Structure formats: C-alpha cells, structure tokens
Protein backbone atom coordinates (compact mmCIF):
# COMPACT_ATOMS: atom_id res chain seq x y z
CA MET A 1 0.16 0.02 0.05
CA SER A 2 1.41 3.43 -0.81
CA SER A 3 2.54 5.62 1.94
CA HIS A 4 0.86 8.58 -0.06
CA ASN A 5 -2.55 9.35 -0.85
CA TYR A 6 -3.85 10.12 -4.49
CA GLU A 7 -3.67 13.96 -4.16
CA GLU A 8 0.08 13.64 -2.89
CA LEU A 9 1.11 11.04 -5.42
CA ALA A 10 -0.23 13.54 -8.09
CA ALA A 11 1.61 16.22 -6.68
CA LEU A 12 4.94 14.19 -6.62
CA HIS A 13 4.32 13.15 -10.12
CA ALA A 14 3.74 16.61 -11.30
CA ILE A 15 6.72 17.84 -9.53
CA ALA A 16 8.73 15.06 -11.00
CA ARG A 17 7.78 16.14 -14.49
CA THR A 18 8.59 19.61 -13.97
CA LEU A 19 12.09 18.72 -12.77
CA ALA A 20 12.57 16.45 -16.14
CA GLN A 21 11.66 19.60 -18.42
CA PRO A 22 14.43 21.69 -19.62
CA GLY A 23 14.80 25.07 -18.31
CA GLU A 24 16.55 27.28 -15.55
CA LEU A 25 17.06 25.63 -12.45
CA ARG A 26 15.85 28.56 -10.43
CA ASP A 27 12.56 28.61 -12.46
CA GLN A 28 12.07 24.89 -12.12
CA LEU A 29 12.33 25.10 -8.25
CA GLU A 30 9.92 28.04 -8.22
CA LEU A 31 7.36 25.73 -10.08
CA VAL A 32 8.01 23.07 -7.63
CA LEU A 33 6.84 25.42 -4.72
CA GLN A 34 3.86 26.65 -6.79
CA ALA A 35 2.79 23.11 -7.20
CA MET A 36 3.38 22.42 -3.42
CA ASN A 37 0.83 25.24 -2.98
CA GLN A 38 -1.83 24.54 -5.54
CA ARG A 39 -1.87 20.70 -5.03
CA VAL A 40 -1.34 20.13 -1.42
CA GLY A 41 -2.02 23.14 0.20
CA MET A 42 1.69 24.12 1.24
CA GLN A 43 2.18 27.83 1.69
CA ARG A 44 5.03 30.25 1.71
CA GLY A 45 7.47 27.40 0.49
CA MET A 46 11.21 28.29 0.61
CA ILE A 47 14.40 26.54 -0.64
CA SER A 48 17.75 27.55 1.11
CA LEU A 49 21.18 26.53 0.06
CA LEU A 50 23.90 25.23 2.42
CA ASP A 51 27.22 27.08 2.09
CA ARG A 52 29.74 23.95 2.59
CA GLU A 53 32.56 26.19 3.97
CA THR A 54 30.55 28.31 6.60
CA GLY A 55 27.65 25.83 7.20
CA GLU A 56 25.33 29.14 6.74
CA VAL A 57 22.12 28.59 4.97
CA TRP A 58 21.15 31.26 2.34
CA LEU A 59 17.31 31.56 1.24
CA ASP A 60 17.54 31.18 -2.44
CA VAL A 61 13.95 30.47 -4.02
CA ALA A 62 10.67 31.26 -2.35
CA HIS A 63 6.66 31.08 -3.36
CA GLY A 64 4.25 33.36 -1.70
CA VAL A 65 7.01 35.30 -0.05
CA ASP A 66 8.58 38.37 -1.50
CA ILE A 67 12.60 38.08 -1.16
CA GLN A 68 13.44 40.49 -3.90
CA GLY A 69 16.48 42.64 -2.83
CA MET A 70 16.66 40.51 0.52
CA GLU A 71 19.63 38.47 1.61
CA VAL A 72 18.16 36.10 4.37
CA SER A 73 20.63 33.56 6.01
CA TYR A 74 20.93 31.40 8.92
CA ALA A 75 23.88 30.56 10.99
CA PRO A 76 24.58 26.72 11.76
CA GLY A 77 21.84 25.96 14.26
CA GLU A 78 20.11 29.08 14.13
CA GLY A 79 16.56 28.93 14.01
CA ILE A 80 14.49 26.07 12.77
CA THR A 81 16.16 26.28 9.20
CA GLY A 82 19.56 26.38 10.55
CA LYS A 83 18.83 23.50 13.04
CA VAL A 84 17.71 21.31 10.19
CA ALA A 85 20.70 22.06 8.05
CA GLN A 86 23.07 21.38 10.85
CA THR A 87 21.51 18.17 12.05
CA GLY A 88 19.97 16.64 9.11
CA ARG A 89 16.79 15.97 10.57
CA PRO A 90 13.36 17.34 9.81
CA MET A 91 11.14 19.49 12.34
CA ALA A 92 7.67 20.30 12.48
CA VAL A 93 6.01 23.06 14.58
CA ALA A 94 2.18 22.50 15.18
CA ASN A 95 1.49 25.96 15.96
CA LEU A 96 3.74 28.57 14.94
CA GLY A 97 2.30 31.04 17.52
CA GLN A 98 3.78 28.92 20.45
CA GLU A 99 7.16 28.61 18.84
CA ALA A 100 10.03 30.92 20.09
CA HIS A 101 12.48 29.67 17.74
CA PHE A 102 10.98 30.51 14.73
CA LEU A 103 12.67 33.70 13.32
CA ASP A 104 10.48 34.80 10.41
CA ARG A 105 13.59 36.54 8.83
CA THR A 106 11.50 37.44 5.57
CA GLY A 107 8.87 39.25 7.77
CA ALA A 108 6.28 36.98 5.51
CA ARG A 109 3.97 36.33 8.64
CA ARG A 110 4.15 39.65 10.59
CA PHE A 111 0.48 40.33 9.63
CA ILE A 112 -0.82 36.79 9.99
CA ASN A 113 -1.95 35.06 13.02
CA ARG A 114 0.81 32.86 13.52
CA SER A 115 -1.43 30.32 15.54
CA ASP A 116 -3.25 29.53 12.55
CA LEU A 117 -0.10 28.11 11.01
CA SER A 118 2.05 24.96 11.19
CA PHE A 119 5.66 25.13 10.00
CA LEU A 120 7.41 22.01 8.07
CA CYS A 121 11.15 21.99 7.66
CA VAL A 122 13.24 19.14 5.97
CA PRO A 123 16.71 18.89 4.81
CA ILE A 124 17.56 18.20 1.19
CA VAL A 125 20.03 15.55 1.06
CA TYR A 126 22.19 14.75 -2.13
CA ASP A 127 25.06 12.19 -2.08
CA GLU A 128 24.49 11.70 1.78
CA ARG A 129 25.14 15.21 2.40
CA VAL A 130 22.85 17.94 3.30
CA VAL A 131 22.86 20.63 0.35
CA GLY A 132 19.94 22.64 1.47
CA VAL A 133 16.59 22.95 3.19
CA LEU A 134 13.18 22.77 2.09
CA SER A 135 10.48 24.70 4.27
CA ALA A 136 6.58 25.53 4.10
CA ASP A 137 3.70 26.53 6.01
CA LYS A 138 0.39 24.85 6.26
CA ALA A 139 -2.99 25.74 7.68
CA VAL A 140 -3.44 24.18 11.03
CA LEU A 141 -7.04 23.11 10.31
CA GLN A 142 -5.53 21.42 7.10
CA VAL A 143 -3.14 19.37 9.13
CA GLU A 144 -4.43 16.01 10.53
CA ASP A 145 -1.05 14.09 11.06
CA LEU A 146 2.14 16.08 11.31
CA ASP A 147 4.36 13.10 10.41
CA ARG A 148 2.50 12.38 7.26
CA GLU A 149 3.25 16.11 6.42
CA LEU A 150 6.82 15.79 6.90
CA ALA A 151 6.82 12.64 4.84
CA MET A 152 5.56 14.20 2.02
CA LEU A 153 7.87 17.41 2.19
CA SER A 154 10.70 14.78 2.60
CA SER A 155 9.48 13.06 -0.54
CA ILE A 156 9.62 16.47 -2.28
CA ALA A 157 12.95 17.20 -0.87
CA GLU A 158 14.18 13.83 -2.34
CA LEU A 159 13.00 14.66 -5.79
CA ILE A 160 14.57 17.92 -6.07
CA ALA A 161 17.74 17.06 -4.05
CA LYS A 162 19.82 16.68 -7.65
CA SER A 163 18.47 20.38 -9.01
CA VAL A 164 19.12 22.06 -5.53
CA HIS A 165 22.73 20.75 -5.68
CA SER A 166 23.27 21.87 -9.16
CA ARG A 167 21.79 25.32 -8.22
CA ALA A 168 23.98 25.46 -5.13
CA LEU A 169 26.93 24.84 -7.55
CA GLU A 170 25.82 27.69 -9.68
CA GLU A 171 25.76 29.92 -6.62
CA ASP A 172 29.08 28.87 -5.53
CA ASN A 173 30.48 29.42 -8.94
CA ARG A 174 28.96 33.01 -9.20
CA ARG A 175 30.07 33.87 -5.83
CA LEU A 176 33.42 32.67 -6.52
CA ARG A 177 33.76 34.52 -9.47
CA ASP A 178 32.98 37.48 -7.69
CA MET A 179 35.54 36.93 -4.96
CA LEU A 180 38.04 36.25 -7.65
CA GLY A 181 37.42 39.61 -9.31
CA ARG A 182 37.96 41.57 -6.10
CA SER A 183 40.65 39.33 -4.52
CA THR A 184 43.45 40.95 -2.59
CA ILE A 185 45.48 37.90 -2.10
CA THR A 186 49.23 38.64 -2.95
CA HIS A 187 50.68 35.31 -2.29
CA SER A 188 52.06 35.05 -5.94
CA GLU A 189 49.51 32.64 -7.56
CA ILE A 190 48.20 30.99 -4.51
CA ILE A 191 44.60 31.28 -4.68
CA GLY A 192 42.20 29.83 -2.19
CA HIS A 193 39.22 30.75 0.23
CA SER A 194 38.60 27.53 2.05
CA LYS A 195 39.29 27.27 5.48
CA VAL A 196 42.19 25.15 5.21
CA MET A 197 43.99 27.57 2.73
CA GLN A 198 43.12 30.54 4.93
CA GLU A 199 45.07 28.86 7.67
CA VAL A 200 48.09 28.43 5.23
CA PHE A 201 48.03 32.07 4.38
CA GLY A 202 48.10 32.95 8.07
CA LEU A 203 51.01 30.40 8.73
CA ILE A 204 52.86 32.33 5.65
CA VAL A 205 52.31 35.74 7.21
CA GLN A 206 53.52 34.44 10.72
CA VAL A 207 56.75 32.85 9.65
CA ALA A 208 57.67 35.33 6.65
CA ASP A 209 59.24 37.85 8.77
CA SER A 210 61.44 35.76 10.62
CA ASN A 211 64.71 33.61 9.61
CA ALA A 212 62.92 30.34 10.69
CA THR A 213 63.73 27.26 8.55
CA VAL A 214 60.53 25.99 7.07
CA LEU A 215 59.30 22.42 5.92
CA ILE A 216 56.68 22.48 3.49
CA ASN A 217 54.70 19.11 3.39
CA GLY A 218 52.34 18.41 0.78
CA GLU A 219 51.64 16.00 -2.23
CA THR A 220 53.05 16.46 -5.62
CA GLY A 221 51.40 19.33 -7.38
CA THR A 222 49.90 21.30 -4.61
CA GLY A 223 51.79 24.42 -4.91
CA LYS A 224 54.95 24.06 -2.35
CA GLU A 225 57.26 26.22 -4.77
CA LEU A 226 54.37 29.01 -4.75
CA VAL A 227 54.15 28.81 -1.04
CA ALA A 228 58.05 29.14 -0.72
CA ARG A 229 58.14 32.06 -3.22
CA ALA A 230 55.18 33.76 -1.23
CA ILE A 231 57.37 33.25 2.09
CA HIS A 232 60.39 34.91 0.35
CA ASN A 233 58.51 37.82 -1.30
CA ARG A 234 56.85 38.62 2.44
CA SER A 235 60.22 38.48 3.97
CA PRO A 236 63.04 40.89 4.76
CA ARG A 237 65.04 38.96 2.39
CA ARG A 238 62.73 39.78 -0.68
CA LYS A 239 65.29 42.02 -2.37
CA GLY A 240 67.90 39.12 -2.35
CA PRO A 241 67.82 36.02 -4.57
CA LEU A 242 65.45 33.14 -4.41
CA ILE A 243 67.31 30.22 -5.48
CA GLN A 244 65.43 26.80 -6.10
CA VAL A 245 67.10 23.18 -6.11
CA ASN A 246 65.28 20.13 -7.09
CA CYS A 247 67.07 17.82 -4.91
CA ALA A 248 65.41 14.78 -6.83
CA ALA A 249 66.97 15.62 -10.31
CA MET A 250 70.69 15.74 -9.26
CA PRO A 251 72.59 12.60 -8.87
CA ASP A 252 75.07 11.91 -6.03
CA THR A 253 78.20 12.85 -8.29
CA LEU A 254 76.79 16.13 -8.81
CA ILE A 255 74.91 17.09 -5.54
CA GLU A 256 78.12 18.67 -3.84
CA SER A 257 79.21 20.46 -6.71
CA GLU A 258 75.65 21.66 -7.56
CA LEU A 259 75.12 22.73 -3.92
CA PHE A 260 78.50 23.96 -2.92
CA GLY A 261 80.45 24.83 -6.03
CA HIS A 262 83.73 23.64 -7.16
CA GLU A 263 87.22 24.89 -8.05
CA LYS A 264 88.95 24.71 -11.77
CA GLY A 265 90.34 21.30 -11.88
CA SER A 266 88.83 19.67 -9.03
CA PHE A 267 87.34 16.79 -11.18
CA THR A 268 87.33 15.63 -14.81
CA GLY A 269 85.45 18.05 -16.80
CA ALA A 270 85.65 21.00 -14.14
CA PHE A 271 87.38 23.45 -16.61
CA HIS A 272 85.99 26.61 -14.59
CA HIS A 273 85.60 27.73 -11.24
CA ARG A 274 81.64 27.49 -10.42
CA ARG A 275 79.65 28.97 -7.65
CA GLY A 276 77.24 26.66 -5.92
CA ARG A 277 73.57 27.29 -5.21
CA PHE A 278 74.06 28.18 -1.52
CA GLU A 279 76.74 30.73 -2.67
CA GLU A 280 74.18 32.01 -5.00
CA ALA A 281 71.59 32.52 -2.52
CA HIS A 282 73.80 34.48 0.04
CA GLY A 283 71.42 37.44 1.34
CA GLY A 284 68.30 35.43 0.20
CA THR A 285 66.38 32.13 0.43
CA ILE A 286 67.45 28.92 -0.86
CA PHE A 287 64.37 26.48 -1.66
CA LEU A 288 65.33 22.64 -1.33
CA ASP A 289 62.68 21.15 -3.33
CA GLU A 290 61.89 17.33 -2.61
CA VAL A 291 64.47 17.26 -0.04
CA GLY A 292 63.25 13.78 1.03
CA GLU A 293 65.26 12.61 -2.05
CA LEU A 294 68.76 13.28 -1.03
CA SER A 295 71.23 10.47 -0.60
CA ALA A 296 72.71 9.77 2.58
CA ALA A 297 76.10 11.38 1.59
CA ALA A 298 74.16 14.55 0.60
CA GLN A 299 72.23 14.72 3.58
CA ALA A 300 75.51 14.87 5.78
CA LYS A 301 76.83 17.70 3.80
CA LEU A 302 73.72 19.61 3.78
CA LEU A 303 73.60 19.20 7.83
CA ARG A 304 77.19 20.46 7.98
CA VAL A 305 76.08 23.65 6.11
CA ILE A 306 73.21 24.30 8.05
CA GLN A 307 74.98 23.85 11.34
CA GLU A 308 77.99 25.99 10.36
CA LYS A 309 76.72 28.24 7.82
CA LYS A 310 79.81 27.83 5.94
CA PHE A 311 81.41 25.24 3.36
CA GLN A 312 84.27 24.68 1.19
CA PRO A 313 83.66 24.09 -2.66
CA LEU A 314 84.68 20.92 -4.06
CA GLY A 315 88.43 20.82 -4.65
CA GLY A 316 89.22 24.14 -3.19
CA SER A 317 90.58 25.20 0.35
CA ARG A 318 88.98 28.60 0.88
CA VAL A 319 85.97 28.68 3.10
CA VAL A 320 82.60 30.32 2.00
CA SER A 321 80.47 31.91 4.45
CA VAL A 322 76.77 32.03 3.75
CA ASP A 323 73.78 33.93 5.06
CA VAL A 324 70.87 31.90 3.62
CA ARG A 325 67.43 31.23 4.80
CA ILE A 326 66.26 27.64 4.20
CA ILE A 327 63.13 26.48 3.00
CA ALA A 328 62.54 22.88 2.18
CA ALA A 329 59.69 20.75 0.68
CA THR A 330 58.85 17.06 0.42
CA ASN A 331 56.06 14.88 -0.51
CA ARG A 332 57.34 12.17 1.72
CA ASN A 333 56.80 11.20 5.21
CA LEU A 334 59.95 12.19 6.53
CA GLU A 335 59.05 10.93 10.24
CA GLN A 336 58.58 7.66 8.70
CA ASP A 337 61.76 7.75 6.83
CA VAL A 338 63.56 8.75 9.93
CA ALA A 339 62.04 5.67 11.74
CA SER A 340 63.05 3.55 8.86
CA GLY A 341 66.67 4.89 8.61
CA GLN A 342 66.15 6.40 5.36
CA PHE A 343 66.59 9.99 6.46
CA ARG A 344 68.88 11.46 9.28
CA ALA A 345 66.90 12.37 12.41
CA ASP A 346 69.36 15.38 13.26
CA LEU A 347 68.81 16.77 9.61
CA TYR A 348 64.95 16.42 10.05
CA TYR A 349 64.92 18.29 13.20
CA ARG A 350 67.09 21.18 11.75
CA LEU A 351 64.74 21.26 8.96
CA ASN A 352 61.48 21.06 10.65
CA VAL A 353 61.61 24.14 12.74
CA PHE A 354 58.48 25.55 11.20
CA PRO A 355 56.19 22.93 9.52
CA LEU A 356 53.82 23.94 7.05
CA TYR A 357 51.24 21.56 5.72
CA LEU A 358 49.61 22.21 2.17
CA PRO A 359 46.64 20.25 1.83
CA PRO A 360 45.69 18.36 -1.53
CA LEU A 361 43.05 19.88 -3.76
CA ARG A 362 40.51 17.21 -2.88
CA GLU A 363 40.39 18.62 0.73
CA ARG A 364 39.99 22.42 -0.55
CA GLY A 365 36.29 22.28 -1.41
CA SER A 366 35.10 25.29 -3.50
CA ASP A 367 38.50 26.37 -4.05
CA ILE A 368 38.39 23.83 -6.96
CA ILE A 369 35.82 26.09 -8.73
CA LEU A 370 37.92 29.17 -7.89
CA LEU A 371 41.02 27.96 -9.43
CA ALA A 372 39.31 26.63 -12.46
CA ASP A 373 38.11 30.20 -13.09
CA HIS A 374 41.62 31.48 -12.69
CA PHE A 375 43.05 29.10 -15.07
CA ILE A 376 40.19 29.73 -17.62
CA MET A 377 41.07 33.64 -17.27
CA LYS A 378 44.82 32.77 -17.53
CA TYR A 379 44.35 30.59 -20.90
CA ASN A 380 41.63 32.85 -22.36
CA LYS A 381 44.65 35.28 -22.36
CA GLU A 382 47.22 33.09 -23.74
CA LEU A 383 45.03 31.19 -26.52
CA GLY A 384 42.88 34.18 -27.53
CA LYS A 385 39.64 32.55 -26.30
CA SER A 386 36.78 34.15 -24.62
CA ILE A 387 35.44 31.18 -22.26
CA LYS A 388 33.03 32.50 -19.91
CA THR A 389 31.25 29.59 -17.73
CA ILE A 390 31.70 25.97 -16.99
CA SER A 391 28.68 23.75 -17.34
CA ASN A 392 27.27 22.14 -14.03
CA ALA A 393 28.03 18.65 -15.33
CA VAL A 394 31.83 19.64 -15.30
CA LEU A 395 31.38 21.16 -11.97
CA GLU A 396 30.08 18.21 -10.59
CA ALA A 397 33.00 16.08 -12.23
CA PHE A 398 35.46 18.44 -10.64
CA LEU A 399 34.29 18.00 -7.18
CA SER A 400 33.86 14.48 -7.36
CA HIS A 401 37.31 13.92 -8.84
CA SER A 402 40.11 12.91 -6.41
CA TRP A 403 42.92 15.18 -8.32
CA PRO A 404 45.85 12.78 -7.63
CA GLY A 405 47.91 15.47 -9.66
CA ASN A 406 46.20 18.33 -7.47
CA VAL A 407 46.39 21.90 -8.78
CA ARG A 408 48.93 21.02 -11.56
CA GLU A 409 46.39 18.40 -12.92
CA LEU A 410 43.67 20.88 -12.66
CA GLU A 411 45.45 23.47 -14.59
CA ASN A 412 46.37 21.12 -17.41
CA CYS A 413 42.79 19.87 -17.62
CA ILE A 414 41.59 23.63 -17.93
CA GLU A 415 44.32 24.35 -20.51
CA ARG A 416 43.06 21.23 -22.64
CA ALA A 417 39.47 22.20 -22.25
CA VAL A 418 39.95 26.14 -23.28
CA LEU A 419 41.94 24.88 -26.19
CA LEU A 420 39.11 22.32 -27.35
CA ALA A 421 36.21 24.76 -26.54
CA THR A 422 34.58 26.38 -29.52
CA GLY A 423 31.80 28.16 -27.53
CA SER A 424 31.49 30.07 -24.48
CA SER A 425 31.29 27.12 -21.99
CA ILE A 426 33.41 24.24 -20.80
CA GLU A 427 31.31 21.04 -21.35
CA THR A 428 32.11 17.55 -20.49
CA VAL A 429 33.40 16.74 -23.96
CA HIS A 430 36.36 19.16 -23.61
CA LEU A 431 37.49 17.31 -20.61
CA PRO A 432 40.10 14.39 -20.28
CA PRO A 433 38.64 10.78 -20.82
CA SER A 434 38.75 10.11 -17.18
CA LEU A 435 36.81 12.78 -15.98
CA GLN A 436 34.27 12.23 -18.91
CA THR A 437 33.71 8.66 -17.85
CA ARG A 438 33.31 9.78 -14.20
CA SER A 439 30.65 12.61 -15.40
CA ARG A 440 28.69 10.10 -17.63
CA GLU A 441 28.73 7.68 -14.74
CA GLY A 442 27.24 10.13 -12.17
CA GLU A 443 24.71 11.29 -15.05
CA ARG A 444 23.68 7.82 -15.70
CA LYS A 445 23.08 7.19 -11.84
CA GLU A 446 21.05 10.31 -11.26
CA SER A 447 18.95 9.81 -14.43
CA GLY A 448 18.35 6.17 -13.33
CA LYS A 449 17.42 7.68 -9.70
CA LEU A 450 14.94 10.01 -11.06
CA ASN A 451 13.33 7.54 -13.23
CA ALA A 452 13.08 5.08 -10.63
CA MET A 453 11.39 7.63 -8.28
CA ILE A 454 8.96 8.72 -11.24
CA GLU A 455 8.25 4.91 -11.97
CA ALA A 456 7.42 4.33 -8.06
CA GLN A 457 5.04 7.27 -7.96
CA GLU A 458 3.30 6.20 -11.24
CA ARG A 459 2.96 2.87 -9.83
CA GLY A 460 1.45 3.91 -6.74
CA MET A 461 -1.16 6.19 -8.45
CA ILE A 462 -2.04 3.15 -10.83
CA VAL A 463 -2.39 0.79 -8.01
CA ASP A 464 -4.76 3.43 -6.10
CA ALA A 465 -7.02 3.89 -8.93
CA LEU A 466 -7.33 0.06 -9.73
CA LYS A 467 -8.33 -0.18 -5.98
CA GLU A 468 -10.74 2.32 -6.28
CA SER A 469 -12.26 0.87 -9.53
CA ARG A 470 -11.94 -2.67 -8.38
CA GLY A 471 -9.48 -3.55 -11.12
CA ASN A 472 -11.48 -1.81 -14.05
CA GLN A 473 -9.07 -0.32 -16.24
CA SER A 474 -11.50 1.94 -18.22
CA GLN A 475 -12.81 3.50 -14.77
CA ALA A 476 -9.02 3.66 -13.61
CA ALA A 477 -8.08 5.70 -16.66
CA ARG A 478 -10.91 8.19 -16.00
CA ILE A 479 -9.90 8.35 -12.39
CA LEU A 480 -6.29 9.62 -13.55
CA GLY A 481 -7.34 11.58 -16.49
CA THR A 482 -5.90 9.26 -19.06
CA THR A 483 -6.94 6.87 -21.72
CA LYS A 484 -7.42 3.12 -21.38
CA ARG A 485 -4.77 2.51 -23.84
CA ILE A 486 -2.06 4.20 -21.75
CA ILE A 487 -3.32 2.60 -18.55
CA GLN A 488 -2.76 -0.82 -20.34
CA TYR A 489 0.51 0.16 -21.42
CA LYS A 490 1.61 1.42 -18.12
CA ILE A 491 0.31 -1.90 -16.28
CA GLN A 492 2.41 -4.01 -18.72
CA LYS A 493 5.39 -1.92 -18.45
CA LEU A 494 5.15 -1.92 -14.47
CA GLY A 495 4.09 -5.49 -14.20
CA ILE A 496 0.79 -4.81 -12.50
CA ASP A 497 -1.66 -7.52 -12.46
CA PRO A 498 -5.25 -5.82 -12.16
CA ARG A 499 -7.05 -8.88 -11.69
CA ARG A 500 -5.72 -9.06 -8.00
CA PHE A 501 -7.80 -5.86 -7.51
CA LYS A 502 -10.84 -7.31 -8.56
CA ALA A 503 -10.72 -10.36 -6.38
CA LYS A 504 -9.51 -8.70 -3.34
CA TYR A 505 -11.51 -5.29 -3.45
CA ALA A 506 -14.90 -6.23 -5.01
CA SER A 507 -17.69 -6.51 -2.46
CA PRO A 508 -19.30 -10.05 -2.28
CA SER A 509 -22.52 -8.65 -3.92
CA SER A 510 -20.78 -6.91 -6.76
CA PRO A 511 -20.70 -8.61 -10.16
CA ARG A 512 -17.05 -9.31 -11.56
CA ASP A 513 -15.92 -7.50 -14.39
C-alpha cells in the first residue's frame, strides 16, 4: 500500500515531470514550490542553500514570499532552518504562535496570525550530504497528521535534491567569480578561499618576517614552490635572490658541486670555477624542493652547512660563509623515513623548525571552482579564447574527482578544455577521458534514480486507481485523467496484475468485471 494518498502522489508526479523538463534551475524550483501550494496546500514554500564552507544557510527560492532584494541567511543551528541544516533532521511545529525559535527573517508572517499556521522543515540531501533546506507553512486546520506532512515534504525534498545541488553549484560559482574579481590575495599565484587555505595563508604571514627554517609538506602538484616564493616575497630577504634546487633531479656525483660549487680542475670536466647554489643564495633564500630524495652522503653535507653556515667548494681550500634562509619541501613522510633510517634524524629536526602542511586539492572544497575560473582567465588570455562559464556537469565532475595531480592536474585539464572549446562554455566533452567517464557515470546514476522515483510514483497512482475501480482499467483511466490504452501500456510496463484488485477489493454482492 502506498504511503501517500492520491493527491500527494499526483503532486509528486507533477513535480517529477517539472524537473524532467529543460529550463533554468531556479525557474524549475519555483514551479515546484508553486505545485506544493496548489496541489497539497503548502504555503510560503522556501528553498535555502547550504554554504559548504561556512555551514550557513541562504534563502534562494521562495513562493508566496517576496524576497526581492533581500539576503536572508541562518547561521549553523540558528532558528529552525539552521537547526535542520546542521542536524540533517526534519522538524515540524504544530502551532507557530507557540514556537519561540521561529525567526521569520523574511517578515512574511508579520501580518498573519501565527497560531493559524503549522511550519514544516526538512533537509535536502544529495549524495548523503545536506545541500539545502525545504520549508513551508500549512494551515493548522488542514493538518491532520504532522508526521504525514513531513513525509510528503521529505519526498519532495528527495525529488529536488539533484536540482538543488546543481543550483548550489551555480551560486558557488557566481560567488567565487565575484570573489576572484575582487581578490586581494598577493601570495604569488596562490588562490584559495577554503578554511584550510586561509590557515595556510595565516602561517605564511606568521613565518615570513622571521629567519626560521620552513619545511613544507604536501602531495605533488599542491603548489609548494608557490608557498616558498610567497614566504620569500614577504620576508626582509625579498630583495635578495630566491634560488630553487630540485634535489630529486641531481645525481650523487653532482650534488656537492651543485650545492657548494667547485674549483677549476677539481674533477674531470671542471674547466672553470663555479659558484654553488648556496653561494648564489647569499643574502636571500634557498628552496630545497624534494629534500627527502637526498642520498645519505648529501644529507650529511647539507647538515654541516646548516649547522656551520659555511662550507668549502669541491676541490678548494677556501671557506665560504653564507647568510641564507632555508625553505625545504617534500611529498614524503619524513618522520617515517627517520624511523626506517632513510633520513637523518638530526637533519630532519634542523629542517622541521616551522612545519607547514599544504592540503591536497580534494580537501579544498570550492577552491576547485575558484582555481578553475582563475586558469580559464589565464588560458583565455594566452590562447585568445573567451570562455565564460563551466557547465554544472563539469563542476560536479571536478568536485567528485580525487585530483591525484592536485592543482597542476587541474591547470592541465583547464588548458586542454579551453583549447578544445569552441563556444563560451566548458562542457564534459572538453575534459580528459577519465573525467568524462566519471561525469557520464554520475549522469546515468542520477537519471536512473529520477526514473526510478517517477516509476514508483506512477505505480502507486495506478495501484490506488485500480483499487478504487476494483480492477476496472477503463474506470481507472478516467480517475487518472488519461486513456485506457495508456493505462494498459503502463500496467504491462510496470508488471501490475489488475486481476488481483478485482478479487481483493470487490464486494461480495458486486458482479465481477
């Protein structure tokens, strides 16, 4: 037996059909709220979007409430809407006149007797995460069972979850574009609005003014070089050189010469005197990238320089004193390497004076969108393109991707997309094959879910009509406002046996059809 009555099932079916039609997401959601009012008597319907970074809830779409020019928001746990968003649990108020936590931020009920109204509020959940809140009023006299009303509203929330998620992405993209346009971040090309990146920016500011040695930890492609450059550029040494050394790219036979220089004739092929990278960095900063890849011999030589701040070039007798700040970076777990004997403990503690962790892109949330927009602007300029938007399908693929190559992988992806795009928008067809596959899988999953929900609603409506008509298909068609042929087609498609309704629901005195 269906959990919803005929009117409710008809409303859900109408909403599902509305969502299946092409059109602007906001317009579709407004039509959903209108259907809630017209078909099941829910007044002043509102859809609010959850800000994933702050936990705030922003009113986005409303019916029966004038929100033109208004910015209505709820902090996490604030009011009924904020509590539902925070807890993910529905709430119902039988009598608004007796509810102190109801805030009425829109002012829509200030001239209405609240004692005549019930208030219903449910979370909108997509991919097991709250993405928004759906709420509505209903006249107390029309409410017989609050739990049933909540169940109906929850069914609507389930139907609109995908659309609300996409709408939230649109708003995220718009806000981040605005933010990017007025950004005051000056840490080279480091872009980020997420909480984790704001913490990184704070640490950069804290350590920049000192001479403390910094050890940057992070996966490949997270932007460790940019962080090192930002620290140097904000430091008192910014007028001095910033010398970068890729420790992973130097063989043991050349590491000493590369770092500390050599004298003419010190080895075969040494035809000239050469300054080392430490000497070149005097008065500035040396950035030792992938320091975890240094051999044991190279680690010993580096430790000596850090301790003594002087060294002898290879094959020479002169002693070179240097004033250098050291910033090191690694994608390895040096603590584990110390424990296993792969990295010197004394060198590790010399380098790890001020550790700074750079989070991977998958942990940075909406920064992905912000960075994507930044790279679009960059490659628009380089390639003479005019890409303006990223489709919602692409945004979803970006946000669900693990980004093993981090920011570098995202930049390469955007460069390819801008190069391939012929219009003003980046679509899934412009993405690398791995991301296209993910996007198609997501679309199939959501399409299948929506079709299953529509099919379930159709089945419930047809079953209720067959019960009412005692299995008479012609009468069931008239009840549903359609033709007998369509009913017969749906019955066959859905595997419904109308004969069981004749036997079960016909009265003993009624003739059998």
